[in-house]
N, C-alpha and C. Protein backbone atom coordinates (compact mmCIF):
# COMPACT_ATOMS: atom_id res chain seq x y z
N UNK A 1 11.16 16.76 -6.32
CA UNK A 1 9.87 16.22 -5.94
C UNK A 1 9.97 15.98 -4.42
N UNK A 2 11.04 15.67 -3.80
CA UNK A 2 11.21 15.48 -2.39
C UNK A 2 10.85 16.75 -1.58
N UNK A 3 11.28 17.93 -2.22
CA UNK A 3 10.96 19.29 -1.62
C UNK A 3 9.45 19.38 -1.42
N UNK A 4 8.71 18.81 -2.34
CA UNK A 4 7.22 19.03 -2.24
C UNK A 4 6.51 17.73 -1.73
N UNK A 5 7.30 16.85 -1.09
CA UNK A 5 6.81 15.64 -0.58
C UNK A 5 6.04 14.69 -1.50
N UNK A 6 6.57 14.65 -2.78
CA UNK A 6 5.99 13.81 -3.79
C UNK A 6 6.98 12.64 -3.97
N UNK A 7 6.57 11.53 -3.73
CA UNK A 7 7.51 10.42 -3.63
C UNK A 7 7.07 9.38 -4.93
N UNK A 8 6.23 9.59 -5.61
CA UNK A 8 5.70 8.78 -6.65
C UNK A 8 5.80 9.65 -8.05
N UNK A 9 6.14 8.98 -9.14
CA UNK A 9 6.19 9.59 -10.35
C UNK A 9 4.69 9.99 -10.76
N UNK A 10 4.56 11.29 -11.12
CA UNK A 10 3.18 11.75 -11.60
C UNK A 10 2.66 11.08 -12.73
N UNK A 11 3.51 10.54 -13.54
CA UNK A 11 2.99 9.76 -14.84
C UNK A 11 2.76 8.31 -14.62
N UNK A 12 3.70 7.55 -14.10
CA UNK A 12 3.57 6.18 -13.87
C UNK A 12 3.23 5.65 -12.46
N UNK A 13 3.26 6.47 -11.46
CA UNK A 13 2.99 6.40 -10.10
C UNK A 13 3.85 5.53 -9.30
N UNK A 14 4.99 5.07 -9.95
CA UNK A 14 5.96 4.29 -9.25
C UNK A 14 6.72 5.17 -8.20
N UNK A 15 7.12 4.47 -7.08
CA UNK A 15 7.88 5.20 -6.24
C UNK A 15 9.33 5.66 -6.73
N UNK A 16 9.79 6.85 -6.48
CA UNK A 16 10.97 7.44 -7.10
C UNK A 16 12.13 7.35 -6.28
N UNK A 17 11.96 6.77 -5.02
CA UNK A 17 13.10 6.64 -4.02
C UNK A 17 12.90 5.35 -3.27
N UNK A 18 13.86 5.00 -2.49
CA UNK A 18 13.70 3.86 -1.49
C UNK A 18 12.70 4.22 -0.45
N UNK A 19 11.63 3.54 -0.33
CA UNK A 19 10.56 3.84 0.56
C UNK A 19 10.52 2.66 1.63
N UNK A 20 11.55 1.86 1.72
CA UNK A 20 11.55 0.81 2.69
C UNK A 20 11.31 1.16 4.14
N UNK A 21 11.95 2.27 4.49
CA UNK A 21 11.72 2.80 5.86
C UNK A 21 10.32 3.25 6.10
N UNK A 22 9.66 3.74 5.21
CA UNK A 22 8.41 4.22 5.27
C UNK A 22 7.35 3.11 5.37
N UNK A 23 7.67 2.08 4.56
CA UNK A 23 6.93 0.82 4.63
C UNK A 23 7.00 0.20 5.84
N UNK A 24 8.17 0.21 6.58
CA UNK A 24 8.32 -0.39 7.91
C UNK A 24 7.42 0.36 8.97
N UNK A 25 7.35 1.73 8.71
CA UNK A 25 6.37 2.46 9.63
C UNK A 25 4.96 2.17 9.31
N UNK A 26 4.62 1.82 8.18
CA UNK A 26 3.27 1.43 7.79
C UNK A 26 3.00 0.07 8.43
N UNK A 27 4.00 -0.85 8.45
CA UNK A 27 3.68 -2.27 9.05
C UNK A 27 3.42 -1.96 10.58
N UNK A 28 4.19 -1.11 11.17
CA UNK A 28 3.92 -0.88 12.68
C UNK A 28 2.62 -0.20 12.94
N UNK A 29 2.26 0.66 12.14
CA UNK A 29 0.98 1.45 12.25
C UNK A 29 -0.26 0.51 12.10
N UNK A 30 -0.08 -0.37 11.07
CA UNK A 30 -1.14 -1.38 10.86
C UNK A 30 -1.21 -2.38 12.01
N UNK A 31 -0.13 -2.81 12.44
CA UNK A 31 -0.07 -3.77 13.62
C UNK A 31 -0.68 -3.10 14.75
N UNK A 32 -0.61 -1.84 14.92
CA UNK A 32 -1.23 -1.15 16.19
C UNK A 32 -2.53 -0.59 16.00
N UNK A 33 -3.19 -0.69 14.81
CA UNK A 33 -4.45 -0.25 14.56
C UNK A 33 -5.40 -1.45 14.27
N UNK A 34 -6.25 -1.77 15.35
CA UNK A 34 -7.22 -2.85 15.08
C UNK A 34 -8.35 -2.31 14.12
N UNK A 35 -8.83 -3.28 13.34
CA UNK A 35 -9.90 -3.04 12.41
C UNK A 35 -11.22 -3.05 13.09
N UNK A 36 -12.17 -2.07 12.73
CA UNK A 36 -13.52 -2.26 13.32
C UNK A 36 -14.09 -3.51 12.87
N UNK A 37 -15.00 -4.16 13.57
CA UNK A 37 -15.66 -5.37 13.34
C UNK A 37 -16.15 -5.54 11.90
N UNK A 38 -16.75 -4.57 11.28
CA UNK A 38 -17.33 -4.76 9.97
C UNK A 38 -16.26 -5.05 8.85
N UNK A 39 -15.11 -4.69 9.20
CA UNK A 39 -13.96 -4.81 8.22
C UNK A 39 -12.95 -5.88 8.51
N UNK A 40 -13.11 -6.54 9.61
CA UNK A 40 -12.10 -7.46 10.08
C UNK A 40 -11.79 -8.59 8.96
N UNK A 41 -12.75 -9.06 8.18
CA UNK A 41 -12.66 -10.23 7.25
C UNK A 41 -12.77 -9.66 5.85
N UNK A 42 -12.75 -8.42 5.65
CA UNK A 42 -12.92 -7.85 4.26
C UNK A 42 -11.68 -8.07 3.40
N UNK A 43 -11.92 -8.60 2.22
CA UNK A 43 -10.69 -8.87 1.29
C UNK A 43 -10.94 -7.93 0.08
N UNK A 44 -9.78 -7.37 -0.48
CA UNK A 44 -9.97 -6.52 -1.63
C UNK A 44 -8.77 -6.86 -2.64
N UNK A 45 -9.04 -6.56 -3.81
CA UNK A 45 -8.03 -6.69 -4.84
C UNK A 45 -7.29 -5.33 -4.94
N UNK A 46 -5.97 -5.35 -5.02
CA UNK A 46 -5.17 -4.26 -5.22
C UNK A 46 -4.16 -4.44 -6.39
N UNK A 47 -3.78 -3.27 -6.85
CA UNK A 47 -2.75 -3.30 -7.88
C UNK A 47 -1.61 -2.37 -7.40
N UNK A 48 -0.45 -2.93 -7.60
CA UNK A 48 0.72 -2.26 -6.97
C UNK A 48 1.27 -1.45 -7.93
N UNK A 49 1.48 -0.09 -7.64
CA UNK A 49 1.99 0.92 -8.56
C UNK A 49 3.46 0.65 -8.82
N UNK A 50 4.24 -0.07 -8.02
CA UNK A 50 5.61 -0.16 -8.09
C UNK A 50 5.86 -1.43 -9.01
N UNK A 51 5.33 -2.59 -8.73
CA UNK A 51 5.77 -3.73 -9.56
C UNK A 51 4.64 -4.21 -10.50
N UNK A 52 3.50 -3.69 -10.43
CA UNK A 52 2.40 -3.83 -11.51
C UNK A 52 1.63 -5.18 -11.19
N UNK A 53 1.86 -5.81 -10.04
CA UNK A 53 1.03 -7.08 -9.81
C UNK A 53 0.01 -6.83 -9.07
N UNK A 54 -1.09 -7.68 -9.40
CA UNK A 54 -2.40 -7.57 -8.59
C UNK A 54 -2.24 -8.72 -7.36
N UNK A 55 -2.96 -8.27 -6.18
CA UNK A 55 -2.90 -9.17 -5.14
C UNK A 55 -4.34 -9.16 -4.47
N UNK A 56 -4.90 -10.25 -3.87
CA UNK A 56 -6.09 -10.27 -3.08
C UNK A 56 -5.59 -10.36 -1.61
N UNK A 57 -5.89 -9.04 -0.98
CA UNK A 57 -5.32 -8.94 0.38
C UNK A 57 -6.45 -8.48 1.36
N UNK A 58 -6.13 -8.53 2.66
CA UNK A 58 -7.07 -8.12 3.61
C UNK A 58 -7.15 -6.54 3.69
N UNK A 59 -8.32 -6.16 3.68
CA UNK A 59 -8.45 -4.66 3.76
C UNK A 59 -8.02 -4.09 5.10
N UNK A 60 -7.31 -2.91 5.08
CA UNK A 60 -7.00 -2.16 6.26
C UNK A 60 -7.28 -0.75 5.94
N UNK A 61 -7.75 0.07 7.02
CA UNK A 61 -8.01 1.44 6.89
C UNK A 61 -6.86 2.24 6.58
N UNK A 62 -5.65 1.82 7.02
CA UNK A 62 -4.31 2.58 6.79
C UNK A 62 -3.84 2.31 5.45
N UNK A 63 -3.65 1.14 5.02
CA UNK A 63 -3.03 0.92 3.72
C UNK A 63 -3.18 -0.66 3.33
N UNK A 64 -2.95 -1.04 2.10
CA UNK A 64 -2.83 -2.34 1.71
C UNK A 64 -1.52 -2.60 1.15
N UNK A 65 -0.85 -3.72 1.51
CA UNK A 65 0.53 -4.11 1.14
C UNK A 65 0.55 -5.10 -0.03
N UNK A 66 1.36 -4.84 -1.01
CA UNK A 66 1.63 -5.71 -2.17
C UNK A 66 2.14 -7.11 -1.61
N UNK A 67 1.59 -8.22 -2.03
CA UNK A 67 2.22 -9.46 -1.61
C UNK A 67 3.50 -9.80 -2.36
N UNK A 68 3.56 -9.14 -3.47
CA UNK A 68 4.74 -9.48 -4.35
C UNK A 68 6.03 -8.69 -3.96
N UNK A 69 5.99 -7.39 -3.78
CA UNK A 69 7.19 -6.62 -3.56
C UNK A 69 7.10 -5.95 -2.31
N UNK A 70 6.06 -6.13 -1.52
CA UNK A 70 5.91 -5.61 -0.06
C UNK A 70 5.80 -4.07 -0.07
N UNK A 71 5.35 -3.33 -1.18
CA UNK A 71 5.17 -2.00 -1.26
C UNK A 71 3.79 -1.67 -0.72
N UNK A 72 3.62 -0.45 -0.28
CA UNK A 72 2.16 0.00 0.17
C UNK A 72 1.81 1.08 -0.89
N UNK A 73 2.57 1.13 -2.01
CA UNK A 73 2.18 2.08 -3.10
C UNK A 73 1.18 1.41 -3.97
N UNK A 74 -0.03 1.24 -3.41
CA UNK A 74 -1.06 0.35 -4.06
C UNK A 74 -2.25 1.11 -4.30
N UNK A 75 -3.26 0.56 -5.21
CA UNK A 75 -4.50 1.16 -5.29
C UNK A 75 -5.46 -0.02 -5.32
N UNK A 76 -6.71 0.08 -4.87
CA UNK A 76 -7.65 -0.80 -4.90
C UNK A 76 -8.37 -0.94 -6.32
N UNK A 77 -8.50 -2.17 -6.71
CA UNK A 77 -9.08 -2.37 -8.03
C UNK A 77 -10.40 -3.34 -7.88
N UNK A 78 -10.97 -3.61 -8.99
CA UNK A 78 -12.14 -4.52 -8.89
C UNK A 78 -11.80 -6.01 -9.11
N UNK A 79 -10.48 -6.37 -9.19
CA UNK A 79 -10.14 -7.75 -9.37
C UNK A 79 -9.90 -8.00 -10.68
């Protein structure tokens, strides 16, 4: 899967390797990317593909971080 740049299981969508270094890069990218005015206070519900927990987080164009396990392997839900 790594040879094909696939880092999540195609069935359960969980990360298949340690992604902590990637998540650190996401943290830096998000910190360096200001949100446009219409999105600055937008909140969304996400579901983490790694731990299965839902979180209500601030929306960002780059990615949304799980409040429970700190993964960015998340998807937006309807709450």
